[in-house]
Protein backbone atom coordinates (compact mmCIF):
# COMPACT_ATOMS: atom_id res chain seq x y z
CA UNK A 1 -0.05 -0.17 0.05
CA UNK A 2 1.43 3.49 -1.00
CA UNK A 3 2.51 5.72 1.70
CA UNK A 4 1.86 9.42 2.13
CA UNK A 5 3.56 11.68 4.70
CA UNK A 6 1.88 14.69 5.50
CA UNK A 7 2.94 17.72 7.46
CA UNK A 8 0.87 20.39 9.10
CA UNK A 9 2.19 23.61 10.43
CA UNK A 10 1.45 25.62 13.54
CA UNK A 11 -1.45 27.46 11.85
CA UNK A 12 -3.14 24.67 10.63
CA UNK A 13 -3.48 23.39 14.13
CA UNK A 14 -3.81 26.43 15.95
CA UNK A 15 -7.08 25.54 17.56
CA UNK A 16 -9.43 23.05 18.23
CA UNK A 17 -11.67 23.55 15.10
CA UNK A 18 -8.42 23.67 12.92
CA UNK A 19 -7.23 20.17 14.62
CA UNK A 20 -10.51 18.52 13.91
CA UNK A 21 -10.37 19.77 10.29
CA UNK A 22 -7.03 18.16 9.99
CA UNK A 23 -8.14 14.96 11.47
CA UNK A 24 -11.01 14.92 9.04
CA UNK A 25 -8.37 15.42 6.03
CA UNK A 26 -6.13 12.51 7.38
CA UNK A 27 -9.00 10.35 7.57
CA UNK A 28 -10.11 10.98 4.17
CA UNK A 29 -6.53 10.04 2.92
CA UNK A 30 -6.89 6.76 4.88
CA UNK A 31 -10.12 6.05 2.86
CA UNK A 32 -8.65 6.69 -0.50
CA UNK A 33 -6.38 3.61 0.36
CA UNK A 34 -3.14 5.39 1.44
CA UNK A 35 -1.02 4.51 4.67
CA UNK A 36 -0.58 7.84 6.17
CA UNK A 37 2.20 9.13 8.43
CA UNK A 38 1.46 12.89 9.86
CA UNK A 39 4.17 15.41 11.18
CA UNK A 40 2.92 18.23 13.07
CA UNK A 41 4.42 21.53 14.38
CA UNK A 42 3.50 23.28 17.53
CA UNK A 43 0.10 24.88 17.74
CA UNK A 44 0.01 28.65 16.27
CA UNK A 45 2.50 30.98 18.39
CA UNK A 46 3.34 28.17 21.07
CA UNK A 47 7.30 28.23 20.21
CA UNK A 48 7.71 31.97 20.19
CA UNK A 49 5.56 32.07 23.60
CA UNK A 50 7.89 29.45 24.97
CA UNK A 51 11.14 31.43 24.00
CA UNK A 52 9.57 34.41 25.58
CA UNK A 53 9.12 32.47 28.85
CA UNK A 54 12.61 31.32 28.92
CA UNK A 55 13.91 34.91 28.38
CA UNK A 56 12.00 36.56 30.94
CA UNK A 57 13.72 33.90 33.29
CA UNK A 58 17.23 34.12 31.56
CA UNK A 59 18.66 36.34 28.81
CA UNK A 60 21.08 33.65 27.48
CA UNK A 61 19.11 30.20 28.65
CA UNK A 62 21.20 27.24 28.05
CA UNK A 63 20.68 25.68 24.79
CA UNK A 64 20.11 22.26 26.04
CA UNK A 65 17.31 23.19 28.40
CA UNK A 66 16.00 25.40 25.48
CA UNK A 67 15.53 22.08 23.56
CA UNK A 68 13.79 20.53 26.32
CA UNK A 69 11.36 23.09 26.90
CA UNK A 70 10.40 23.78 22.92
CA UNK A 71 10.01 19.95 22.12
CA UNK A 72 6.98 20.25 24.55
CA UNK A 73 5.00 22.43 22.04
CA UNK A 74 5.15 19.43 19.32
CA UNK A 75 4.05 17.05 21.92
CA UNK A 76 0.74 19.18 22.86
CA UNK A 77 -0.14 19.15 19.05
CA UNK A 78 0.47 15.22 18.28
CA UNK A 79 -1.82 14.33 21.42
CA UNK A 80 -4.31 16.39 20.51
CA UNK A 81 -4.41 15.54 16.94
CA UNK A 82 -4.34 11.75 17.76
CA UNK A 83 -7.36 12.35 20.01
CA UNK A 84 -9.21 13.88 17.19
CA UNK A 85 -8.39 10.93 14.71
CA UNK A 86 -9.42 8.61 17.31
CA UNK A 87 -12.76 10.56 17.96
CA UNK A 88 -13.38 9.79 14.00
CA UNK A 89 -13.04 6.05 14.59
CA UNK A 90 -9.45 5.67 12.73
CA UNK A 91 -6.74 3.83 14.69
CA UNK A 92 -3.89 6.14 15.43
CA UNK A 93 -0.73 6.55 17.69
CA UNK A 94 1.46 9.72 18.21
CA UNK A 95 5.22 9.54 18.47
CA UNK A 96 7.69 11.51 19.85
CA UNK A 97 10.77 12.52 17.81
CA UNK A 98 12.67 9.97 19.77
CA UNK A 99 9.94 7.51 19.56
CA UNK A 100 9.75 7.83 15.86
CA UNK A 101 13.52 7.18 15.50
CA UNK A 102 14.64 10.70 14.51
CA UNK A 103 18.51 10.79 15.48
CA UNK A 104 20.51 13.95 15.24
CA UNK A 105 23.77 15.55 16.07
CA UNK A 106 24.47 17.06 19.20
CA UNK A 107 23.92 20.96 18.07
CA UNK A 108 21.23 22.11 20.35
CA UNK A 109 18.46 24.26 18.86
CA UNK A 110 20.13 23.78 15.30
CA UNK A 111 20.62 20.14 15.22
CA UNK A 112 20.80 18.46 11.98
CA UNK A 113 19.07 14.76 11.22
CA UNK A 114 21.58 11.93 10.95
CA UNK A 115 19.32 9.30 10.45
CA UNK A 116 15.49 8.15 10.69
CA UNK A 117 15.04 4.50 11.97
CA UNK A 118 11.83 3.90 10.46
CA UNK A 119 11.09 0.49 12.10
CA UNK A 120 8.72 1.88 14.81
CA UNK A 121 6.81 3.70 12.23
CA UNK A 122 6.49 0.89 10.02
CA UNK A 123 5.27 -1.43 12.63
CA UNK A 124 2.53 0.77 13.41
CA UNK A 125 1.57 1.27 9.93
CA UNK A 126 1.27 -2.46 9.54
CA UNK A 127 -1.14 -2.41 12.36
CA UNK A 128 -3.41 -0.35 10.37
CA UNK A 129 -2.59 2.68 12.25
CA UNK A 130 -2.25 6.51 11.44
CA UNK A 131 1.07 7.47 12.68
CA UNK A 132 1.45 11.02 14.18
CA UNK A 133 5.18 12.20 14.77
CA UNK A 134 6.40 15.09 16.34
CA UNK A 135 7.98 17.37 13.98
CA UNK A 136 11.18 20.10 15.19
CA UNK A 137 12.71 17.41 17.09
CA UNK A 138 14.86 14.42 17.68
CA UNK A 139 17.32 12.67 20.14
CA UNK A 140 21.04 12.54 20.21
CA UNK A 141 22.95 8.96 20.26
CA UNK A 142 23.42 10.28 24.16
CA UNK A 143 19.52 10.47 24.59
CA UNK A 144 19.22 14.13 24.69
CA UNK A 145 16.29 15.86 23.17
CA UNK A 146 17.39 18.21 20.24
CA UNK A 147 15.10 20.71 18.16
CA UNK A 148 16.12 21.54 14.49
CA UNK A 149 15.58 25.26 14.45
CA UNK A 150 12.85 27.28 12.51
CA UNK A 151 11.08 25.04 9.88
CA UNK A 152 12.55 21.94 11.36
CA UNK A 153 9.22 20.19 10.92
CA UNK A 154 9.47 20.15 7.03
CA UNK A 155 12.75 18.48 7.24
CA UNK A 156 11.01 15.89 9.74
CA UNK A 157 8.49 15.07 7.17
CA UNK A 158 10.77 15.03 4.12
CA UNK A 159 13.14 12.88 6.19
CA UNK A 160 10.81 10.46 7.36
CA UNK A 161 9.27 10.22 3.48
CA UNK A 162 12.46 9.37 2.35
CA UNK A 163 13.25 6.69 5.16
CA UNK A 164 9.56 5.27 4.40
CA UNK A 165 10.30 5.20 0.70
CA UNK A 166 6.93 7.09 0.62
CA UNK A 167 5.20 8.41 -2.58
CA UNK A 168 4.85 11.83 -1.65
CA UNK A 169 5.52 14.23 1.11
CA UNK A 170 2.59 16.85 1.23
CA UNK A 171 3.67 20.06 3.11
CA UNK A 172 0.20 21.77 4.34
CA UNK A 173 0.38 25.43 5.20
CA UNK A 174 -1.65 28.74 5.26
CA UNK A 175 -0.94 29.39 1.61
CA UNK A 176 -1.74 27.26 -1.67
CA UNK A 177 1.50 26.79 -2.96
CA UNK A 178 4.90 28.40 -3.90
CA UNK A 179 4.52 32.07 -5.61
CA UNK A 180 6.82 33.87 -8.11
CA UNK A 181 7.17 36.39 -5.30
CA UNK A 182 5.84 37.05 -1.88
CA UNK A 183 2.04 37.51 -2.54
CA UNK A 184 2.18 39.96 0.83
CA UNK A 185 4.54 41.89 -1.32
CA UNK A 186 3.51 41.46 -4.92
CA UNK A 187 -0.30 41.67 -5.37
CA UNK A 188 0.14 40.04 -8.70
CA UNK A 189 2.55 37.14 -7.71
CA UNK A 190 1.52 33.82 -9.68
CA UNK A 191 1.35 30.57 -7.98
CA UNK A 192 3.79 28.16 -9.73
CA UNK A 193 2.49 24.83 -10.71
CA UNK A 194 6.15 23.06 -10.36
CA UNK A 195 9.61 24.11 -9.18
CA UNK A 196 12.71 22.54 -9.49
CA UNK A 197 14.52 21.18 -6.56
CA UNK A 198 17.75 23.49 -7.20
CA UNK A 199 15.40 26.29 -7.99
CA UNK A 200 13.52 25.48 -4.69
CA UNK A 201 16.43 25.16 -2.46
CA UNK A 202 17.73 28.81 -3.68
CA UNK A 203 14.36 30.21 -3.01
CA UNK A 204 14.08 28.57 0.46
CA UNK A 205 17.71 29.88 1.67
CA UNK A 206 17.19 33.37 0.06
CA UNK A 207 14.06 33.93 2.10
CA UNK A 208 11.10 32.12 0.69
CA UNK A 209 9.71 30.89 3.95
CA UNK A 210 7.64 28.18 2.30
CA UNK A 211 9.81 25.59 3.15
CA UNK A 212 12.90 24.87 5.21
CA UNK A 213 16.24 24.62 2.86
CA UNK A 214 17.30 21.42 4.67
CA UNK A 215 14.04 19.72 3.96
CA UNK A 216 14.68 20.66 0.18
CA UNK A 217 18.46 19.33 0.23
CA UNK A 218 16.88 15.95 1.81
CA UNK A 219 14.17 15.62 -0.76
CA UNK A 220 16.66 16.55 -3.89
CA UNK A 221 19.10 13.71 -2.58
CA UNK A 222 16.40 10.99 -2.13
CA UNK A 223 13.92 12.08 -4.78
CA UNK A 224 11.05 12.63 -2.54
CA UNK A 225 8.66 14.75 -4.37
CA UNK A 226 6.93 17.41 -2.45
CA UNK A 227 3.55 18.84 -2.95
CA UNK A 228 3.14 22.28 -1.07
CA UNK A 229 -0.47 23.03 -0.63
CA UNK A 230 -3.15 24.69 1.62
CA UNK A 231 -4.58 23.24 4.82
CA UNK A 232 -7.90 25.06 4.23
CA UNK A 233 -8.48 24.21 0.66
CA UNK A 234 -8.46 20.92 -1.55
CA UNK A 235 -6.91 22.73 -4.47
CA UNK A 236 -3.78 21.57 -6.04
CA UNK A 237 -0.51 23.52 -4.99
CA UNK A 238 3.08 23.38 -6.04
CA UNK A 239 4.81 20.21 -6.87
CA UNK A 240 8.83 20.74 -6.31
CA UNK A 241 10.29 17.43 -8.27
CA UNK A 242 13.28 17.28 -10.59
CA UNK A 243 12.49 19.10 -13.75
CA UNK A 244 13.84 18.15 -17.16
CA UNK A 245 15.87 20.55 -18.90
CA UNK A 246 13.37 20.99 -21.90
CA UNK A 247 10.79 22.02 -19.16
CA UNK A 248 12.79 25.03 -18.18
CA UNK A 249 10.94 27.71 -20.41
CA UNK A 250 11.73 30.93 -18.62
CA UNK A 251 15.13 32.50 -17.37
CA UNK A 252 13.69 33.66 -14.03
CA UNK A 253 11.30 31.39 -11.90
CA UNK A 254 10.98 33.74 -8.74
CA UNK A 255 12.04 36.52 -6.88
CA UNK A 256 12.76 36.10 -2.94
CA UNK A 257 13.88 38.71 -0.21
CA UNK A 258 15.07 38.05 3.13
CA UNK A 259 15.07 41.16 5.45
CA UNK A 260 16.85 38.97 8.37
CA UNK A 261 20.25 39.78 7.42
CA UNK A 262 23.19 41.89 9.01
CA UNK A 263 26.48 43.11 6.83
CA UNK A 264 29.70 42.71 8.87
CA UNK A 265 32.82 44.09 7.24
CA UNK A 266 36.11 43.39 8.53
CA UNK A 267 38.53 46.27 7.55
CA UNK A 268 42.36 46.16 7.11
CA UNK A 269 42.99 42.39 7.79
CA UNK A 270 45.86 40.82 6.62
CA UNK A 271 45.18 39.20 2.80
CA UNK A 272 46.24 35.89 3.86
CA UNK A 273 44.14 32.89 3.42
CA UNK A 274 44.90 31.54 6.88
CA UNK A 275 43.13 34.34 8.33
CA UNK A 276 39.92 33.67 6.25
CA UNK A 277 40.46 30.19 7.44
CA UNK A 278 40.49 31.27 11.20
CA UNK A 279 37.74 33.59 10.79
CA UNK A 280 35.05 31.13 9.22
CA UNK A 281 36.06 28.14 11.21
CA UNK A 282 35.44 30.01 14.30
CA UNK A 283 32.11 31.20 13.15
CA UNK A 284 31.11 27.63 12.05
CA UNK A 285 32.32 26.31 15.64
CA UNK A 286 29.70 28.89 16.86
CA UNK A 287 26.92 27.42 14.52
CA UNK A 288 27.00 30.87 12.86
CA UNK A 289 25.54 30.66 9.16
CA UNK A 290 27.60 32.78 6.68
CA UNK A 291 26.45 34.16 3.35
CA UNK A 292 27.41 36.49 0.72
CA UNK A 293 31.09 36.60 1.09
CA UNK A 294 33.18 39.24 -0.78
CA UNK A 295 36.76 39.97 -0.30
CA UNK A 296 38.27 43.46 -1.53
CA UNK A 297 42.06 44.30 -2.08
CA UNK A 298 43.60 41.10 -1.90
CA UNK A 299 46.72 42.39 -4.28
CA UNK A 300 47.81 44.47 -0.97
CA UNK A 301 49.08 43.24 2.37
CA UNK A 302 45.80 44.12 3.79
CA UNK A 303 42.10 43.55 2.56
CA UNK A 304 38.54 44.05 3.61
CA UNK A 305 36.06 41.25 3.89
CA UNK A 306 32.35 41.64 3.98
CA UNK A 307 29.85 38.76 4.72
CA UNK A 308 26.16 38.47 6.11
CA UNK A 309 24.80 36.37 9.00
CA UNK A 310 21.19 36.28 10.24
CA UNK A 311 20.35 39.12 12.62
CA UNK A 312 19.92 36.72 15.41
CA UNK A 313 23.49 35.54 14.90
CA UNK A 314 25.02 39.05 14.62
CA UNK A 315 26.04 39.23 18.14
CA UNK A 316 27.69 35.98 18.27
CA UNK A 317 29.47 36.70 15.23
CA UNK A 318 30.91 39.95 16.75
CA UNK A 319 32.00 38.33 19.72
CA UNK A 320 33.73 35.24 18.04
CA UNK A 321 35.42 37.75 15.97
CA UNK A 322 36.72 40.01 18.61
CA UNK A 323 37.89 36.65 20.71
CA UNK A 324 40.39 36.04 17.51
CA UNK A 325 44.07 36.67 17.45
CA UNK A 326 44.48 40.01 16.03
CA UNK A 327 40.88 40.60 15.71
CA UNK A 328 40.90 43.44 18.49
CA UNK A 329 43.23 45.33 15.73
CA UNK A 330 40.45 45.03 12.99
CA UNK A 331 38.07 47.69 12.28
CA UNK A 332 34.70 45.79 12.37
CA UNK A 333 31.60 47.36 11.00
CA UNK A 334 28.35 45.99 11.51
CA UNK A 335 25.18 47.22 9.33
CA UNK A 336 21.80 45.44 9.88
CA UNK A 337 19.85 48.26 7.95
CA UNK A 338 19.80 45.89 5.06
CA UNK A 339 18.08 43.08 3.29
CA UNK A 340 18.74 40.58 0.48
CA UNK A 341 17.01 40.35 -2.77
CA UNK A 342 17.44 37.59 -5.34
CA UNK A 343 16.21 36.31 -8.37
CA UNK A 344 16.34 32.79 -8.89
CA UNK A 345 15.62 30.61 -12.08
CA UNK A 346 17.43 27.39 -13.61
CA UNK A 347 16.88 28.98 -17.11
CA UNK A 348 19.74 31.28 -16.29
CA UNK A 349 22.50 28.89 -17.44
CA UNK A 350 21.24 29.41 -20.98
CA UNK A 351 20.06 33.16 -20.88
CA UNK A 352 22.79 35.54 -20.88
CA UNK A 353 22.09 39.18 -19.72
CA UNK A 354 19.84 38.37 -16.56
CA UNK A 355 22.05 40.32 -14.16
CA UNK A 356 22.10 43.07 -16.22
CA UNK A 357 18.46 43.25 -16.60
CA UNK A 358 18.11 43.09 -12.70
CA UNK A 359 20.37 46.03 -12.48
CA UNK A 360 18.70 47.92 -14.97
CA UNK A 361 15.51 47.69 -12.88
CA UNK A 362 16.96 48.37 -9.69
CA UNK A 363 18.87 51.59 -11.26
CA UNK A 364 15.50 52.97 -12.92
CA UNK A 365 14.37 53.04 -9.37
CA UNK A 366 17.55 54.23 -7.71
CA UNK A 367 17.91 51.40 -5.24
CA UNK A 368 21.39 51.20 -4.31
CA UNK A 369 23.27 47.73 -4.39
CA UNK A 370 25.94 47.14 -1.86
CA UNK A 371 26.95 43.44 -2.15
CA UNK A 372 26.53 40.97 -5.12
CA UNK A 373 26.70 37.26 -5.40
CA UNK A 374 25.71 35.16 -8.03
CA UNK A 375 25.43 31.13 -8.64
CA UNK A 376 24.42 29.51 -11.90
CA UNK A 377 20.78 29.96 -10.91
CA UNK A 378 20.48 33.02 -8.89
CA UNK A 379 21.57 36.85 -8.60
CA UNK A 380 21.71 38.00 -5.09
CA UNK A 381 22.24 41.76 -3.57
CA UNK A 382 21.82 43.67 -0.68
CA UNK A 383 19.90 46.95 -0.87
CA UNK A 384 18.79 49.15 2.01
CA UNK A 385 16.05 47.54 4.36
CA UNK A 386 13.84 50.56 3.54
CA UNK A 387 13.84 49.66 -0.21
CA UNK A 388 13.80 46.02 -0.14
CA UNK A 389 9.80 45.66 -0.78
CA UNK A 390 10.33 48.17 -3.92
CA UNK A 391 13.34 46.00 -5.09
CA UNK A 392 11.23 42.94 -4.95
CA UNK A 393 8.33 44.65 -7.05
CA UNK A 394 10.40 46.25 -9.69
CA UNK A 395 12.33 42.72 -10.48
CA UNK A 396 9.10 40.98 -10.40
CA UNK A 397 7.85 43.33 -13.02
CA UNK A 398 11.10 43.27 -15.12
CA UNK A 399 10.89 39.84 -15.64
CA UNK A 400 7.16 39.95 -16.06
CA UNK A 401 6.71 36.58 -13.49
CA UNK A 402 2.94 37.64 -13.29
CA UNK A 403 2.57 36.30 -16.76
CA UNK A 404 4.94 33.52 -15.99
CA UNK A 405 7.10 34.58 -19.21
């Protein structure tokens, strides 16, 4: 019997009525002849509320204890949904991440899934039960609870689907698919019928909050098709899968933006690769994700190094740099009044002039550009935070994404 993994986000189970609606949808899927595994997030703003309570007690609570606290949110959701499904007469069992075989590394609050032991889930499915697994959490080899970071339930769902060799992973959310831009910023943004894994990974990494980037990575590696769709509608959403080259008709698929970033410049550092190694290895050891790296002045004894981090990691990054040998001698400049705007499309590889067209659009609106980074399928630039919405709109219009051209 075919297996479907369904993931429901916090807004989908925010109250009792919504929990019952999800329960009915799950039972309907069983009636269609599928074995169903459900991955659930914490209800509504539960995680944010728990974080606020922790910080009211301590400005820097221990990360291990934060994981102990935050994992409780998903346990409430899985129990309530199990009760709702049971009330409809469908056999069901709820499992924590650890009980569901989700094994992670030891990086508290940003753990990565190392393995999914699907034995318990498979055994429960063979009994005819719907299996509900807590998203966003797992367990280390030493039996400590970990959480996977924002959007971690997406990763849980795709990893479980890969382990079970499921036919499909459905991600239910409060929007009905992936759009050519954030519809809250661009009124004529268009829902995309399908998106390639590579394009979706770039869009997710660059600020499109529909899917967690690690979830897309896992899906691409294991070939798990993802269907992003609305919890509140039965209409089809967006399919994320491998798209053949002949199906790529346009150069730009979508525009993404991310206002959750800070630009850090280290001025006057030695233009030595060992210094770069020391800086970025120290940041990595503190769990700081670095993006958009640019170095200038490498022909002279000193150089300027610019990179971006999330606003949440800004202070950790600055403290880490200050603790490096020679770090006190560098001029460190931090600017968090910036945002990243990106265009993404696999068709860029065979369509020259895409970057020029983007900069033409930004120039026409007199939007400054601070830093640029590129890959085969994306162009990203930093702009003033106050202008990033304008930048998204003019790029969307320039590439005629409302019409799918």
